[in-house]
Amino acid sequence: MLNCQDATRLMSQSQERGLSLVERMSLKAHQMMCSGCRHFERQMGTIRMVTRAYVQGKNEQEKK
């Protein structure tokens, strides 16, 4: 079973590459039992969404 350090590493890596079936299953099993890692993944998603919105807004500003 993954520890939190390995789980967060895999969550970060999943932004750059696809995870293997074993990695995805291990990560999901860990997240089922670890609320901290579930929150971390949600926070990563929020940061990603805010960053994309910022970049999109900046691009629109540059067009004006």
N, C-alpha and C. Protein backbone atom coordinates (compact mmCIF):
# COMPACT_ATOMS: atom_id res chain seq x y z
N MET A 1 0.83 -1.18 0.00
CA MET A 1 0.00 0.00 0.00
C MET A 1 0.88 1.25 0.00
N LEU A 2 0.40 2.28 -0.67
CA LEU A 2 1.15 3.53 -0.76
C LEU A 2 1.11 4.29 0.55
N ASN A 3 2.17 5.04 0.82
CA ASN A 3 2.11 6.02 1.91
C ASN A 3 1.75 7.36 1.28
N CYS A 4 1.53 8.37 2.10
CA CYS A 4 1.08 9.67 1.58
C CYS A 4 2.11 10.32 0.66
N GLN A 5 3.37 10.16 0.96
CA GLN A 5 4.41 10.73 0.11
C GLN A 5 4.36 10.12 -1.29
N ASP A 6 4.24 8.80 -1.37
CA ASP A 6 4.15 8.13 -2.67
C ASP A 6 2.86 8.51 -3.40
N ALA A 7 1.76 8.63 -2.65
CA ALA A 7 0.48 8.98 -3.26
C ALA A 7 0.53 10.38 -3.86
N THR A 8 1.05 11.35 -3.12
CA THR A 8 1.11 12.71 -3.66
C THR A 8 2.07 12.79 -4.83
N ARG A 9 3.14 12.00 -4.79
CA ARG A 9 4.07 11.96 -5.93
C ARG A 9 3.35 11.46 -7.17
N LEU A 10 2.56 10.39 -7.02
CA LEU A 10 1.82 9.86 -8.16
C LEU A 10 0.78 10.86 -8.66
N MET A 11 0.11 11.56 -7.75
CA MET A 11 -0.87 12.56 -8.17
C MET A 11 -0.19 13.65 -8.99
N SER A 12 0.99 14.07 -8.56
CA SER A 12 1.73 15.08 -9.32
C SER A 12 2.18 14.54 -10.67
N GLN A 13 2.68 13.32 -10.68
CA GLN A 13 3.13 12.72 -11.93
C GLN A 13 1.98 12.52 -12.91
N SER A 14 0.79 12.30 -12.39
CA SER A 14 -0.36 12.07 -13.28
C SER A 14 -0.68 13.31 -14.11
N GLN A 15 -0.19 14.48 -13.70
CA GLN A 15 -0.38 15.70 -14.48
C GLN A 15 0.52 15.71 -15.71
N GLU A 16 1.58 14.93 -15.68
CA GLU A 16 2.56 14.92 -16.76
C GLU A 16 2.51 13.66 -17.62
N ARG A 17 1.99 12.59 -17.05
CA ARG A 17 1.97 11.32 -17.78
C ARG A 17 0.78 10.49 -17.30
N GLY A 18 0.41 9.54 -18.11
CA GLY A 18 -0.63 8.61 -17.69
C GLY A 18 -0.06 7.61 -16.69
N LEU A 19 -0.85 7.29 -15.70
CA LEU A 19 -0.41 6.30 -14.71
C LEU A 19 -0.78 4.91 -15.19
N SER A 20 0.01 3.94 -14.79
CA SER A 20 -0.29 2.55 -15.12
C SER A 20 -1.52 2.09 -14.34
N LEU A 21 -2.08 0.98 -14.74
CA LEU A 21 -3.23 0.44 -14.04
C LEU A 21 -2.91 0.17 -12.57
N VAL A 22 -1.76 -0.39 -12.32
CA VAL A 22 -1.35 -0.70 -10.93
C VAL A 22 -1.21 0.59 -10.13
N GLU A 23 -0.60 1.62 -10.73
CA GLU A 23 -0.45 2.90 -10.03
C GLU A 23 -1.81 3.52 -9.73
N ARG A 24 -2.71 3.51 -10.71
CA ARG A 24 -4.05 4.08 -10.49
C ARG A 24 -4.80 3.33 -9.40
N MET A 25 -4.73 2.01 -9.43
CA MET A 25 -5.43 1.21 -8.43
C MET A 25 -4.84 1.44 -7.03
N SER A 26 -3.52 1.49 -6.94
CA SER A 26 -2.87 1.74 -5.65
C SER A 26 -3.24 3.12 -5.12
N LEU A 27 -3.26 4.11 -6.01
CA LEU A 27 -3.60 5.46 -5.61
C LEU A 27 -5.04 5.54 -5.13
N LYS A 28 -5.96 4.94 -5.85
CA LYS A 28 -7.38 4.96 -5.45
C LYS A 28 -7.59 4.25 -4.11
N ALA A 29 -6.89 3.13 -3.92
CA ALA A 29 -7.01 2.41 -2.65
C ALA A 29 -6.53 3.28 -1.49
N HIS A 30 -5.42 3.97 -1.71
CA HIS A 30 -4.89 4.85 -0.67
C HIS A 30 -5.87 5.99 -0.39
N GLN A 31 -6.40 6.59 -1.43
CA GLN A 31 -7.31 7.72 -1.26
C GLN A 31 -8.61 7.32 -0.57
N MET A 32 -9.02 6.08 -0.74
CA MET A 32 -10.22 5.63 -0.05
C MET A 32 -10.06 5.70 1.46
N MET A 33 -8.82 5.56 1.93
CA MET A 33 -8.57 5.53 3.36
C MET A 33 -7.93 6.81 3.89
N CYS A 34 -7.53 7.72 3.01
CA CYS A 34 -6.77 8.89 3.45
C CYS A 34 -7.44 10.19 3.00
N SER A 35 -8.09 10.85 3.93
CA SER A 35 -8.79 12.10 3.59
C SER A 35 -7.79 13.20 3.23
N GLY A 36 -6.61 13.18 3.81
CA GLY A 36 -5.60 14.19 3.49
C GLY A 36 -5.21 14.15 2.02
N CYS A 37 -5.03 12.96 1.50
CA CYS A 37 -4.65 12.83 0.09
C CYS A 37 -5.84 13.14 -0.84
N ARG A 38 -7.04 12.84 -0.40
CA ARG A 38 -8.23 13.23 -1.18
C ARG A 38 -8.30 14.75 -1.27
N HIS A 39 -8.05 15.43 -0.16
CA HIS A 39 -8.06 16.89 -0.16
C HIS A 39 -6.93 17.45 -1.03
N PHE A 40 -5.76 16.83 -0.96
CA PHE A 40 -4.63 17.25 -1.78
C PHE A 40 -4.99 17.18 -3.26
N GLU A 41 -5.63 16.10 -3.68
CA GLU A 41 -5.99 15.96 -5.09
C GLU A 41 -7.01 17.03 -5.50
N ARG A 42 -7.97 17.31 -4.63
CA ARG A 42 -8.95 18.37 -4.94
C ARG A 42 -8.25 19.73 -5.03
N GLN A 43 -7.31 19.98 -4.14
CA GLN A 43 -6.58 21.24 -4.18
C GLN A 43 -5.77 21.37 -5.46
N MET A 44 -5.17 20.27 -5.89
CA MET A 44 -4.42 20.29 -7.15
C MET A 44 -5.35 20.64 -8.31
N GLY A 45 -6.55 20.09 -8.31
CA GLY A 45 -7.52 20.39 -9.36
C GLY A 45 -7.92 21.85 -9.34
N THR A 46 -8.12 22.40 -8.16
CA THR A 46 -8.49 23.82 -8.04
C THR A 46 -7.36 24.71 -8.53
N ILE A 47 -6.14 24.39 -8.13
CA ILE A 47 -4.99 25.17 -8.58
C ILE A 47 -4.87 25.12 -10.10
N ARG A 48 -5.06 23.95 -10.68
CA ARG A 48 -5.00 23.79 -12.13
C ARG A 48 -6.07 24.66 -12.81
N MET A 49 -7.29 24.64 -12.28
CA MET A 49 -8.39 25.40 -12.85
C MET A 49 -8.12 26.91 -12.75
N VAL A 50 -7.66 27.38 -11.60
CA VAL A 50 -7.37 28.80 -11.42
C VAL A 50 -6.23 29.24 -12.33
N THR A 51 -5.21 28.42 -12.46
CA THR A 51 -4.09 28.75 -13.32
C THR A 51 -4.53 28.86 -14.77
N ARG A 52 -5.34 27.92 -15.23
CA ARG A 52 -5.84 27.98 -16.61
C ARG A 52 -6.69 29.22 -16.84
N ALA A 53 -7.54 29.56 -15.87
CA ALA A 53 -8.38 30.75 -15.99
C ALA A 53 -7.51 32.01 -16.03
N TYR A 54 -6.47 32.05 -15.22
CA TYR A 54 -5.56 33.20 -15.21
C TYR A 54 -4.88 33.35 -16.56
N VAL A 55 -4.36 32.25 -17.09
CA VAL A 55 -3.67 32.30 -18.38
C VAL A 55 -4.64 32.72 -19.48
N GLN A 56 -5.84 32.18 -19.46
CA GLN A 56 -6.83 32.55 -20.47
C GLN A 56 -7.17 34.03 -20.36
N GLY A 57 -7.36 34.54 -19.16
CA GLY A 57 -7.64 35.96 -18.96
C GLY A 57 -6.49 36.84 -19.41
N LYS A 58 -5.28 36.41 -19.13
CA LYS A 58 -4.09 37.16 -19.55
C LYS A 58 -4.00 37.20 -21.06
N ASN A 59 -4.29 36.07 -21.72
CA ASN A 59 -4.26 36.04 -23.18
C ASN A 59 -5.31 36.97 -23.77
N GLU A 60 -6.48 37.03 -23.16
CA GLU A 60 -7.53 37.92 -23.63
C GLU A 60 -7.14 39.38 -23.44
N GLN A 61 -6.45 39.68 -22.34
CA GLN A 61 -5.98 41.04 -22.09
C GLN A 61 -4.96 41.47 -23.15
N GLU A 62 -4.09 40.54 -23.55
CA GLU A 62 -3.06 40.85 -24.53
C GLU A 62 -3.65 41.10 -25.91
N LYS A 63 -4.81 40.53 -26.20
CA LYS A 63 -5.45 40.72 -27.49
C LYS A 63 -6.06 42.12 -27.64
N LYS A 64 -6.34 42.76 -26.51
CA LYS A 64 -6.97 44.09 -26.55
C LYS A 64 -6.00 45.18 -26.90
